[in-house]
PDB file of N, CA and C in Angstrom:
ATOM      1  N   MET A   1       0.777  -1.145   0.053  1.00  0.00           N
ATOM      2  CA  MET A   1      -0.014  -0.051   0.023  1.00  0.00           C
ATOM      3  C   MET A   1       0.801   1.295  -0.072  1.00  0.00           C
ATOM      4  N   SER A   2       0.584   2.126  -0.810  1.00  0.00           N
ATOM      5  CA  SER A   2       1.335   3.382  -0.935  1.00  0.00           C
ATOM      6  C   SER A   2       1.166   4.376   0.153  1.00  0.00           C
ATOM      7  N   SER A   3       2.193   5.011   0.674  1.00  0.00           N
ATOM      8  CA  SER A   3       1.924   5.985   1.665  1.00  0.00           C
ATOM      9  C   SER A   3       2.082   7.366   1.126  1.00  0.00           C
ATOM     10  N   GLN A   4       1.840   7.519  -0.115  1.00  0.00           N
ATOM     11  CA  GLN A   4       1.802   8.724  -0.841  1.00  0.00           C
ATOM     12  C   GLN A   4       0.428   9.153  -1.190  1.00  0.00           C
ATOM     13  N   PHE A   5       0.212  10.500  -1.222  1.00  0.00           N
ATOM     14  CA  PHE A   5      -1.092  11.010  -1.624  1.00  0.00           C
ATOM     15  C   PHE A   5      -0.774  12.375  -2.249  1.00  0.00           C
ATOM     16  N   GLU A   6      -1.830  12.947  -2.968  1.00  0.00           N
ATOM     17  CA  GLU A   6      -1.639  14.282  -3.575  1.00  0.00           C
ATOM     18  C   GLU A   6      -2.649  15.232  -2.898  1.00  0.00           C
ATOM     19  N   LEU A   7      -2.124  16.498  -2.668  1.00  0.00           N
ATOM     20  CA  LEU A   7      -2.835  17.639  -2.244  1.00  0.00           C
ATOM     21  C   LEU A   7      -2.582  18.897  -3.046  1.00  0.00           C
ATOM     22  N   TYR A   8      -3.582  19.643  -3.196  1.00  0.00           N
ATOM     23  CA  TYR A   8      -3.394  21.022  -3.885  1.00  0.00           C
ATOM     24  C   TYR A   8      -2.856  22.024  -2.806  1.00  0.00           C
ATOM     25  N   ASP A   9      -1.950  22.847  -3.221  1.00  0.00           N
ATOM     26  CA  ASP A   9      -1.675  23.980  -2.527  1.00  0.00           C
ATOM     27  C   ASP A   9      -2.743  25.119  -2.760  1.00  0.00           C
ATOM     28  N   LEU A  10      -3.014  25.887  -1.910  1.00  0.00           N
ATOM     29  CA  LEU A  10      -4.095  26.890  -2.205  1.00  0.00           C
ATOM     30  C   LEU A  10      -3.609  28.346  -1.836  1.00  0.00           C
ATOM     31  N   ARG A  11      -4.189  29.212  -2.532  1.00  0.00           N
ATOM     32  CA  ARG A  11      -4.223  30.708  -2.281  1.00  0.00           C
ATOM     33  C   ARG A  11      -5.485  31.277  -1.907  1.00  0.00           C
ATOM     34  N   ILE A  12      -5.557  31.964  -0.802  1.00  0.00           N
ATOM     35  CA  ILE A  12      -6.801  32.608  -0.522  1.00  0.00           C
ATOM     36  C   ILE A  12      -6.677  34.102  -0.796  1.00  0.00           C
ATOM     37  N   THR A  13      -7.444  34.689  -1.631  1.00  0.00           N
ATOM     38  CA  THR A  13      -7.184  36.080  -2.005  1.00  0.00           C
ATOM     39  C   THR A  13      -8.391  36.917  -1.773  1.00  0.00           C
ATOM     40  N   VAL A  14      -8.202  38.199  -1.193  1.00  0.00           N
ATOM     41  CA  VAL A  14      -9.271  39.105  -1.123  1.00  0.00           C
ATOM     42  C   VAL A  14      -9.604  39.616  -2.452  1.00  0.00           C
ATOM     43  N   VAL A  15     -10.884  39.352  -2.862  1.00  0.00           N
ATOM     44  CA  VAL A  15     -11.313  39.797  -4.293  1.00  0.00           C
ATOM     45  C   VAL A  15     -12.259  40.896  -4.306  1.00  0.00           C
ATOM     46  N   GLU A  16     -12.896  41.193  -3.134  1.00  0.00           N
ATOM     47  CA  GLU A  16     -13.852  42.337  -2.975  1.00  0.00           C
ATOM     48  C   GLU A  16     -13.966  42.828  -1.558  1.00  0.00           C
ATOM     49  N   ILE A  17     -14.208  44.042  -1.462  1.00  0.00           N
ATOM     50  CA  ILE A  17     -14.587  44.572  -0.046  1.00  0.00           C
ATOM     51  C   ILE A  17     -15.852  45.402  -0.148  1.00  0.00           C
ATOM     52  N   ARG A  18     -16.904  44.904   0.387  1.00  0.00           N
ATOM     53  CA  ARG A  18     -18.165  45.548   0.066  1.00  0.00           C
ATOM     54  C   ARG A  18     -18.442  46.613   1.230  1.00  0.00           C
ATOM     55  N   GLY A  19     -17.649  46.668   2.279  1.00  0.00           N
ATOM     56  CA  GLY A  19     -17.920  47.613   3.357  1.00  0.00           C
ATOM     57  C   GLY A  19     -16.557  48.465   3.499  1.00  0.00           C
ATOM     58  N   ARG A  20     -16.203  48.534   4.748  1.00  0.00           N
ATOM     59  CA  ARG A  20     -14.940  49.164   5.167  1.00  0.00           C
ATOM     60  C   ARG A  20     -14.116  48.225   5.748  1.00  0.00           C
ATOM     61  N   SER A  21     -12.766  48.148   5.383  1.00  0.00           N
ATOM     62  CA  SER A  21     -11.878  47.232   5.865  1.00  0.00           C
ATOM     63  C   SER A  21     -11.223  47.560   7.198  1.00  0.00           C
ATOM     64  N   VAL A  22     -11.907  47.406   8.283  1.00  0.00           N
ATOM     65  CA  VAL A  22     -11.330  47.820   9.669  1.00  0.00           C
ATOM     66  C   VAL A  22     -10.134  47.011   9.812  1.00  0.00           C
ATOM     67  N   CYS A  23      -9.883  45.804   9.428  1.00  0.00           N
ATOM     68  CA  CYS A  23      -8.797  45.022   9.720  1.00  0.00           C
ATOM     69  C   CYS A  23      -7.665  45.317   8.846  1.00  0.00           C
ATOM     70  N   GLY A  24      -7.811  46.269   7.820  1.00  0.00           N
ATOM     71  CA  GLY A  24      -6.662  46.681   7.046  1.00  0.00           C
ATOM     72  C   GLY A  24      -6.306  45.800   5.667  1.00  0.00           C
ATOM     73  N   LEU A  25      -7.202  44.669   5.484  1.00  0.00           N
ATOM     74  CA  LEU A  25      -7.031  44.007   4.322  1.00  0.00           C
ATOM     75  C   LEU A  25      -7.470  44.799   3.050  1.00  0.00           C
ATOM     76  N   GLN A  26      -6.756  44.543   1.966  1.00  0.00           N
ATOM     77  CA  GLN A  26      -7.076  45.201   0.654  1.00  0.00           C
ATOM     78  C   GLN A  26      -7.318  44.198  -0.405  1.00  0.00           C
ATOM     79  N   VAL A  27      -8.012  44.571  -1.449  1.00  0.00           N
ATOM     80  CA  VAL A  27      -8.198  43.730  -2.539  1.00  0.00           C
ATOM     81  C   VAL A  27      -6.808  43.345  -3.019  1.00  0.00           C
ATOM     82  N   GLY A  28      -6.644  41.924  -3.269  1.00  0.00           N
ATOM     83  CA  GLY A  28      -5.385  41.433  -3.770  1.00  0.00           C
ATOM     84  C   GLY A  28      -4.484  40.847  -2.589  1.00  0.00           C
ATOM     85  N   ASP A  29      -4.675  41.207  -1.322  1.00  0.00           N
ATOM     86  CA  ASP A  29      -4.053  40.632  -0.318  1.00  0.00           C
ATOM     87  C   ASP A  29      -4.395  39.036  -0.274  1.00  0.00           C
ATOM     88  N   TYR A  30      -3.393  38.288   0.164  1.00  0.00           N
ATOM     89  CA  TYR A  30      -3.592  36.846   0.068  1.00  0.00           C
ATOM     90  C   TYR A  30      -2.710  36.104   1.112  1.00  0.00           C
ATOM     91  N   VAL A  31      -3.165  34.932   1.435  1.00  0.00           N
ATOM     92  CA  VAL A  31      -2.383  33.934   2.197  1.00  0.00           C
ATOM     93  C   VAL A  31      -2.380  32.590   1.434  1.00  0.00           C
ATOM     94  N   GLU A  32      -1.320  31.872   1.458  1.00  0.00           N
ATOM     95  CA  GLU A  32      -1.269  30.530   0.921  1.00  0.00           C
ATOM     96  C   GLU A  32      -1.185  29.421   1.913  1.00  0.00           C
ATOM     97  N   VAL A  33      -1.785  28.340   1.520  1.00  0.00           N
ATOM     98  CA  VAL A  33      -1.631  27.065   2.345  1.00  0.00           C
ATOM     99  C   VAL A  33      -0.856  26.038   1.414  1.00  0.00           C
ATOM    100  N   THR A  34       0.266  25.657   1.976  1.00  0.00           N
ATOM    101  CA  THR A  34       1.187  24.761   1.148  1.00  0.00           C
ATOM    102  C   THR A  34       1.533  23.588   1.987  1.00  0.00           C
ATOM    103  N   GLU A  35       2.044  22.594   1.401  1.00  0.00           N
ATOM    104  CA  GLU A  35       2.439  21.410   1.967  1.00  0.00           C
ATOM    105  C   GLU A  35       1.567  20.807   3.138  1.00  0.00           C
ATOM    106  N   SER A  36       0.292  20.874   2.794  1.00  0.00           N
ATOM    107  CA  SER A  36      -0.787  20.312   3.744  1.00  0.00           C
ATOM    108  C   SER A  36      -1.256  21.359   4.790  1.00  0.00           C
ATOM    109  N   ASN A  37      -0.226  21.996   5.466  1.00  0.00           N
ATOM    110  CA  ASN A  37      -0.642  22.685   6.698  1.00  0.00           C
ATOM    111  C   ASN A  37       0.134  24.142   6.832  1.00  0.00           C
ATOM    112  N   ARG A  38       0.870  24.528   6.010  1.00  0.00           N
ATOM    113  CA  ARG A  38       1.797  25.645   6.210  1.00  0.00           C
ATOM    114  C   ARG A  38       1.098  26.959   5.676  1.00  0.00           C
ATOM    115  N   LEU A  39       1.058  27.914   6.431  1.00  0.00           N
ATOM    116  CA  LEU A  39       0.477  29.276   5.972  1.00  0.00           C
ATOM    117  C   LEU A  39       1.612  30.110   5.531  1.00  0.00           C
ATOM    118  N   ARG A  40       1.503  30.687   4.409  1.00  0.00           N
ATOM    119  CA  ARG A  40       2.498  31.614   3.907  1.00  0.00           C
ATOM    120  C   ARG A  40       1.781  33.031   3.739  1.00  0.00           C
ATOM    121  N   ILE A  41       2.327  34.001   4.378  1.00  0.00           N
ATOM    122  CA  ILE A  41       1.832  35.422   4.132  1.00  0.00           C
ATOM    123  C   ILE A  41       3.006  36.145   3.624  1.00  0.00           C
ATOM    124  N   PRO A  42       2.850  36.975   2.469  1.00  0.00           N
ATOM    125  CA  PRO A  42       4.013  37.706   1.939  1.00  0.00           C
ATOM    126  C   PRO A  42       4.601  38.582   3.054  1.00  0.00           C
ATOM    127  N   ALA A  43       5.982  38.712   2.912  1.00  0.00           N
ATOM    128  CA  ALA A  43       6.681  39.634   3.822  1.00  0.00           C
ATOM    129  C   ALA A  43       6.029  41.039   3.860  1.00  0.00           C
ATOM    130  N   GLY A  44       5.914  41.596   5.103  1.00  0.00           N
ATOM    131  CA  GLY A  44       5.358  42.900   5.244  1.00  0.00           C
ATOM    132  C   GLY A  44       3.896  42.980   5.198  1.00  0.00           C
ATOM    133  N   LYS A  45       3.220  41.855   4.997  1.00  0.00           N
ATOM    134  CA  LYS A  45       1.797  41.929   4.941  1.00  0.00           C
ATOM    135  C   LYS A  45       1.159  41.114   6.166  1.00  0.00           C
ATOM    136  N   HIS A  46      -0.092  41.164   6.221  1.00  0.00           N
ATOM    137  CA  HIS A  46      -0.786  40.489   7.245  1.00  0.00           C
ATOM    138  C   HIS A  46      -2.088  39.876   6.612  1.00  0.00           C
ATOM    139  N   PHE A  47      -2.784  39.035   7.390  1.00  0.00           N
ATOM    140  CA  PHE A  47      -4.138  38.487   7.000  1.00  0.00           C
ATOM    141  C   PHE A  47      -4.937  38.318   8.177  1.00  0.00           C
ATOM    142  N   CYS A  48      -6.054  38.957   8.230  1.00  0.00           N
ATOM    143  CA  CYS A  48      -6.965  38.944   9.485  1.00  0.00           C
ATOM    144  C   CYS A  48      -7.330  37.508   9.920  1.00  0.00           C
ATOM    145  N   ILE A  49      -7.080  37.205  11.167  1.00  0.00           N
ATOM    146  CA  ILE A  49      -7.456  35.858  11.696  1.00  0.00           C
ATOM    147  C   ILE A  49      -8.873  35.554  11.654  1.00  0.00           C
ATOM    148  N   TYR A  50      -9.821  36.656  11.662  1.00  0.00           N
ATOM    149  CA  TYR A  50     -11.231  36.392  11.650  1.00  0.00           C
ATOM    150  C   TYR A  50     -11.791  36.092  10.203  1.00  0.00           C
ATOM    151  N   ALA A  51     -11.092  36.803   9.267  1.00  0.00           N
ATOM    152  CA  ALA A  51     -11.411  36.474   7.929  1.00  0.00           C
ATOM    153  C   ALA A  51     -10.946  35.008   7.531  1.00  0.00           C
ATOM    154  N   LEU A  52      -9.690  34.723   8.051  1.00  0.00           N
ATOM    155  CA  LEU A  52      -9.207  33.383   7.838  1.00  0.00           C
ATOM    156  C   LEU A  52     -10.017  32.292   8.510  1.00  0.00           C
ATOM    157  N   SER A  53     -10.630  32.650   9.657  1.00  0.00           N
ATOM    158  CA  SER A  53     -11.438  31.605  10.419  1.00  0.00           C
ATOM    159  C   SER A  53     -12.777  31.267   9.624  1.00  0.00           C
ATOM    160  N   SER A  54     -13.136  32.164   8.746  1.00  0.00           N
ATOM    161  CA  SER A  54     -14.300  31.785   7.982  1.00  0.00           C
ATOM    162  C   SER A  54     -14.011  30.875   6.853  1.00  0.00           C
ATOM    163  N   ILE A  55     -12.819  30.716   6.355  1.00  0.00           N
ATOM    164  CA  ILE A  55     -12.434  30.105   5.273  1.00  0.00           C
ATOM    165  C   ILE A  55     -11.700  28.691   5.708  1.00  0.00           C
ATOM    166  N   LEU A  56     -11.345  28.650   6.841  1.00  0.00           N
ATOM    167  CA  LEU A  56     -10.613  27.392   7.353  1.00  0.00           C
ATOM    168  C   LEU A  56     -11.493  26.112   7.179  1.00  0.00           C
ATOM    169  N   PRO A  57     -12.710  25.981   7.521  1.00  0.00           N
ATOM    170  CA  PRO A  57     -13.434  24.703   7.271  1.00  0.00           C
ATOM    171  C   PRO A  57     -13.455  24.292   5.838  1.00  0.00           C
ATOM    172  N   LEU A  58     -13.293  25.139   4.796  1.00  0.00           N
ATOM    173  CA  LEU A  58     -13.389  24.792   3.516  1.00  0.00           C
ATOM    174  C   LEU A  58     -12.025  24.376   2.849  1.00  0.00           C
ATOM    175  N   LEU A  59     -10.957  24.558   3.602  1.00  0.00           N
ATOM    176  CA  LEU A  59      -9.600  24.237   3.003  1.00  0.00           C
ATOM    177  C   LEU A  59      -9.377  22.734   2.867  1.00  0.00           C
ATOM    178  N   PRO A  60      -9.560  21.820   3.805  1.00  0.00           N
ATOM    179  CA  PRO A  60      -9.259  20.446   3.644  1.00  0.00           C
ATOM    180  C   PRO A  60      -9.955  19.847   2.358  1.00  0.00           C
ATOM    181  N   ALA A  61     -11.242  20.195   2.126  1.00  0.00           N
ATOM    182  CA  ALA A  61     -11.898  19.757   0.883  1.00  0.00           C
ATOM    183  C   ALA A  61     -11.205  20.351  -0.351  1.00  0.00           C
ATOM    184  N   SER A  62     -10.899  21.657  -0.244  1.00  0.00           N
ATOM    185  CA  SER A  62     -10.336  22.268  -1.410  1.00  0.00           C
ATOM    186  C   SER A  62      -8.942  21.767  -1.761  1.00  0.00           C
ATOM    187  N   GLN A  63      -8.311  21.145  -0.885  1.00  0.00           N
ATOM    188  CA  GLN A  63      -7.079  20.621  -1.114  1.00  0.00           C
ATOM    189  C   GLN A  63      -6.995  19.245  -1.831  1.00  0.00           C
ATOM    190  N   ARG A  64      -8.281  18.739  -1.841  1.00  0.00           N
ATOM    191  CA  ARG A  64      -8.269  17.388  -2.501  1.00  0.00           C
ATOM    192  C   ARG A  64      -9.045  17.398  -3.730  1.00  0.00           C
ATOM    193  N   ALA A  65      -8.843  16.449  -4.646  1.00  0.00           N
ATOM    194  CA  ALA A  65      -9.553  16.137  -5.779  1.00  0.00           C
ATOM    195  C   ALA A  65     -11.015  15.960  -5.551  1.00  0.00           C
ATOM    196  N   LEU A  66     -11.883  16.604  -6.162  1.00  0.00           N
ATOM    197  CA  LEU A  66     -13.371  16.445  -5.839  1.00  0.00           C
ATOM    198  C   LEU A  66     -14.147  16.042  -7.121  1.00  0.00           C
ATOM    199  N   ASP A  67     -15.212  15.458  -6.845  1.00  0.00           N
ATOM    200  CA  ASP A  67     -16.094  15.136  -8.049  1.00  0.00           C
ATOM    201  C   ASP A  67     -16.515  16.360  -8.641  1.00  0.00           C
ATOM    202  N   PRO A  68     -16.608  16.578  -9.956  1.00  0.00           N
ATOM    203  CA  PRO A  68     -17.075  17.799 -10.583  1.00  0.00           C
ATOM    204  C   PRO A  68     -18.422  18.216 -10.169  1.00  0.00           C
ATOM    205  N   ALA A  69     -19.325  17.297  -9.709  1.00  0.00           N
ATOM    206  CA  ALA A  69     -20.684  17.558  -9.273  1.00  0.00           C
ATOM    207  C   ALA A  69     -20.667  18.177  -7.925  1.00  0.00           C
ATOM    208  N   ASP A  70     -19.582  17.985  -7.077  1.00  0.00           N
ATOM    209  CA  ASP A  70     -19.597  18.345  -5.768  1.00  0.00           C
ATOM    210  C   ASP A  70     -19.673  19.924  -5.691  1.00  0.00           C
ATOM    211  N   TRP A  71     -20.475  20.545  -4.836  1.00  0.00           N
ATOM    212  CA  TRP A  71     -20.610  21.934  -4.867  1.00  0.00           C
ATOM    213  C   TRP A  71     -19.249  22.641  -4.535  1.00  0.00           C
ATOM    214  N   LEU A  72     -18.410  22.070  -3.704  1.00  0.00           N
ATOM    215  CA  LEU A  72     -17.134  22.627  -3.312  1.00  0.00           C
ATOM    216  C   LEU A  72     -16.241  22.742  -4.643  1.00  0.00           C
ATOM    217  N   SER A  73     -16.417  21.914  -5.500  1.00  0.00           N
ATOM    218  CA  SER A  73     -15.559  22.025  -6.737  1.00  0.00           C
ATOM    219  C   SER A  73     -16.000  23.140  -7.596  1.00  0.00           C
ATOM    220  N   ARG A  74     -17.130  23.822  -7.292  1.00  0.00           N
ATOM    221  CA  ARG A  74     -17.629  24.984  -8.162  1.00  0.00           C
ATOM    222  C   ARG A  74     -17.711  26.222  -7.373  1.00  0.00           C
ATOM    223  N   ASP A  75     -17.787  26.153  -6.056  1.00  0.00           N
ATOM    224  CA  ASP A  75     -18.005  27.367  -5.186  1.00  0.00           C
ATOM    225  C   ASP A  75     -16.688  27.646  -4.451  1.00  0.00           C
ATOM    226  N   SER A  76     -16.065  28.757  -4.838  1.00  0.00           N
ATOM    227  CA  SER A  76     -14.794  28.960  -4.270  1.00  0.00           C
ATOM    228  C   SER A  76     -14.725  30.359  -3.545  1.00  0.00           C
ATOM    229  N   HIS A  77     -15.750  30.979  -3.140  1.00  0.00           N
ATOM    230  CA  HIS A  77     -15.867  32.227  -2.550  1.00  0.00           C
ATOM    231  C   HIS A  77     -16.394  32.056  -1.008  1.00  0.00           C
ATOM    232  N   ALA A  78     -15.786  32.800  -0.230  1.00  0.00           N
ATOM    233  CA  ALA A  78     -16.333  32.885   1.166  1.00  0.00           C
ATOM    234  C   ALA A  78     -16.297  34.312   1.617  1.00  0.00           C
ATOM    235  N   ALA A  79     -17.049  34.641   2.644  1.00  0.00           N
ATOM    236  CA  ALA A  79     -17.114  35.982   3.297  1.00  0.00           C
ATOM    237  C   ALA A  79     -16.613  36.087   4.663  1.00  0.00           C
ATOM    238  N   CYS A  80     -15.945  37.129   4.927  1.00  0.00           N
ATOM    239  CA  CYS A  80     -15.549  37.481   6.370  1.00  0.00           C
ATOM    240  C   CYS A  80     -16.775  37.496   7.195  1.00  0.00           C
ATOM    241  N   PRO A  81     -16.702  37.041   8.506  1.00  0.00           N
ATOM    242  CA  PRO A  81     -17.934  37.037   9.385  1.00  0.00           C
ATOM    243  C   PRO A  81     -18.272  38.454   9.876  1.00  0.00           C
ATOM    244  N   ASP A  82     -17.469  39.457   9.620  1.00  0.00           N
ATOM    245  CA  ASP A  82     -17.731  40.775  10.147  1.00  0.00           C
ATOM    246  C   ASP A  82     -18.619  41.426   9.071  1.00  0.00           C
ATOM    247  N   PRO A  83     -19.949  41.715   9.310  1.00  0.00           N
ATOM    248  CA  PRO A  83     -20.832  42.161   8.323  1.00  0.00           C
ATOM    249  C   PRO A  83     -20.503  43.639   7.812  1.00  0.00           C
ATOM    250  N   ASP A  84     -19.861  44.367   8.691  1.00  0.00           N
ATOM    251  CA  ASP A  84     -19.402  45.756   8.369  1.00  0.00           C
ATOM    252  C   ASP A  84     -18.326  45.791   7.335  1.00  0.00           C
ATOM    253  N   GLU A  85     -17.477  44.769   7.243  1.00  0.00           N
ATOM    254  CA  GLU A  85     -16.399  44.777   6.439  1.00  0.00           C
ATOM    255  C   GLU A  85     -16.839  44.196   5.046  1.00  0.00           C
ATOM    256  N   GLY A  86     -17.473  43.068   4.988  1.00  0.00           N
ATOM    257  CA  GLY A  86     -17.818  42.617   3.658  1.00  0.00           C
ATOM    258  C   GLY A  86     -16.691  42.096   2.878  1.00  0.00           C
ATOM    259  N   VAL A  87     -15.674  41.541   3.498  1.00  0.00           N
ATOM    260  CA  VAL A  87     -14.462  41.056   2.791  1.00  0.00           C
ATOM    261  C   VAL A  87     -14.870  39.691   2.129  1.00  0.00           C
ATOM    262  N   ILE A  88     -14.643  39.622   0.772  1.00  0.00           N
ATOM    263  CA  ILE A  88     -14.930  38.485  -0.041  1.00  0.00           C
ATOM    264  C   ILE A  88     -13.692  37.852  -0.460  1.00  0.00           C
ATOM    265  N   MET A  89     -13.443  36.586  -0.157  1.00  0.00           N
ATOM    266  CA  MET A  89     -12.154  35.900  -0.536  1.00  0.00           C
ATOM    267  C   MET A  89     -12.486  34.714  -1.514  1.00  0.00           C
ATOM    268  N   LYS A  90     -11.496  34.411  -2.275  1.00  0.00           N
ATOM    269  CA  LYS A  90     -11.538  33.336  -3.334  1.00  0.00           C
ATOM    270  C   LYS A  90     -10.456  32.315  -2.981  1.00  0.00           C
ATOM    271  N   ILE A  91     -10.810  31.050  -3.087  1.00  0.00           N
ATOM    272  CA  ILE A  91      -9.815  30.037  -2.826  1.00  0.00           C
ATOM    273  C   ILE A  91      -9.499  29.541  -4.261  1.00  0.00           C
ATOM    274  N   GLU A  92      -8.178  29.528  -4.500  1.00  0.00           N
ATOM    275  CA  GLU A  92      -7.736  28.981  -5.813  1.00  0.00           C
ATOM    276  C   GLU A  92      -6.671  27.892  -5.537  1.00  0.00           C
ATOM    277  N   ARG A  93      -6.642  26.838  -6.401  1.00  0.00           N
ATOM    278  CA  ARG A  93      -5.545  25.908  -6.387  1.00  0.00           C
ATOM    279  C   ARG A  93      -4.367  26.395  -7.164  1.00  0.00           C
ATOM    280  N   ILE A  94      -3.151  26.425  -6.506  1.00  0.00           N
ATOM    281  CA  ILE A  94      -1.986  27.001  -7.195  1.00  0.00           C
ATOM    282  C   ILE A  94      -0.972  25.972  -7.524  1.00  0.00           C
ATOM    283  N   GLY A  95      -1.223  24.701  -7.160  1.00  0.00           N
ATOM    284  CA  GLY A  95      -0.250  23.744  -7.443  1.00  0.00           C
ATOM    285  C   GLY A  95      -0.659  22.444  -6.860  1.00  0.00           C
ATOM    286  N   LYS A  96      -0.082  21.368  -7.195  1.00  0.00           N
ATOM    287  CA  LYS A  96      -0.327  20.087  -6.617  1.00  0.00           C
ATOM    288  C   LYS A  96       1.000  19.409  -6.207  1.00  0.00           C
ATOM    289  N   ARG A  97       0.930  18.849  -5.092  1.00  0.00           N
ATOM    290  CA  ARG A  97       2.238  18.150  -4.612  1.00  0.00           C
ATOM    291  C   ARG A  97       1.901  16.723  -4.105  1.00  0.00           C
ATOM    292  N   THR A  98       2.989  15.839  -4.113  1.00  0.00           N
ATOM    293  CA  THR A  98       2.820  14.559  -3.544  1.00  0.00           C
ATOM    294  C   THR A  98       3.394  14.548  -2.175  1.00  0.00           C
ATOM    295  N   LEU A  99       2.593  14.119  -1.148  1.00  0.00           N
ATOM    296  CA  LEU A  99       3.171  14.062   0.219  1.00  0.00           C
ATOM    297  C   LEU A  99       3.110  12.574   0.697  1.00  0.00           C
ATOM    298  N   ASN A 100       3.890  12.392   1.657  1.00  0.00           N
ATOM    299  CA  ASN A 100       4.058  11.091   2.378  1.00  0.00           C
ATOM    300  C   ASN A 100       3.228  11.094   3.655  1.00  0.00           C
ATOM    301  N   THR A 101       2.364  10.050   3.775  1.00  0.00           N
ATOM    302  CA  THR A 101       1.545   9.943   5.017  1.00  0.00           C
ATOM    303  C   THR A 101       2.353   9.911   6.277  1.00  0.00           C
ATOM    304  N   ASP A 102       3.537   9.306   6.254  1.00  0.00           N
ATOM    305  CA  ASP A 102       4.373   9.085   7.387  1.00  0.00           C
ATOM    306  C   ASP A 102       4.983  10.426   7.857  1.00  0.00           C
ATOM    307  N   ASP A 103       4.943  11.444   6.970  1.00  0.00           N
ATOM    308  CA  ASP A 103       5.525  12.697   7.333  1.00  0.00           C
ATOM    309  C   ASP A 103       4.596  13.644   8.005  1.00  0.00           C
ATOM    310  N   LEU A 104       3.280  13.253   8.041  1.00  0.00           N
ATOM    311  CA  LEU A 104       2.271  14.031   8.511  1.00  0.00           C
ATOM    312  C   LEU A 104       1.392  13.255   9.694  1.00  0.00           C
ATOM    313  N   THR A 105       0.726  14.003  10.455  1.00  0.00           N
ATOM    314  CA  THR A 105      -0.071  13.252  11.496  1.00  0.00           C
ATOM    315  C   THR A 105      -1.459  13.043  10.946  1.00  0.00           C
TER     316      THR A 105
END
């Protein structure tokens, strides 16, 4: 039995702000999830933990190959939970990598 599997690396990008960005995010700001569980934020930037919290439950499914009929394979947007901000984010697959089960928990 193979102990290897494939996951997508992801980029979560702010694509729209419908209110006022109290947290300081701007359209185009992003965070990446790579190597299964590593967050990468560009140097000198930040990403609001509350905006990130709204997208975290979607990430494990977005990292995996999905049936084309699955709603998660077609719906890639999420909103920040702060209604005054209206930060809209998009999840994109930016690469695919092979990982070893034994290297992860």
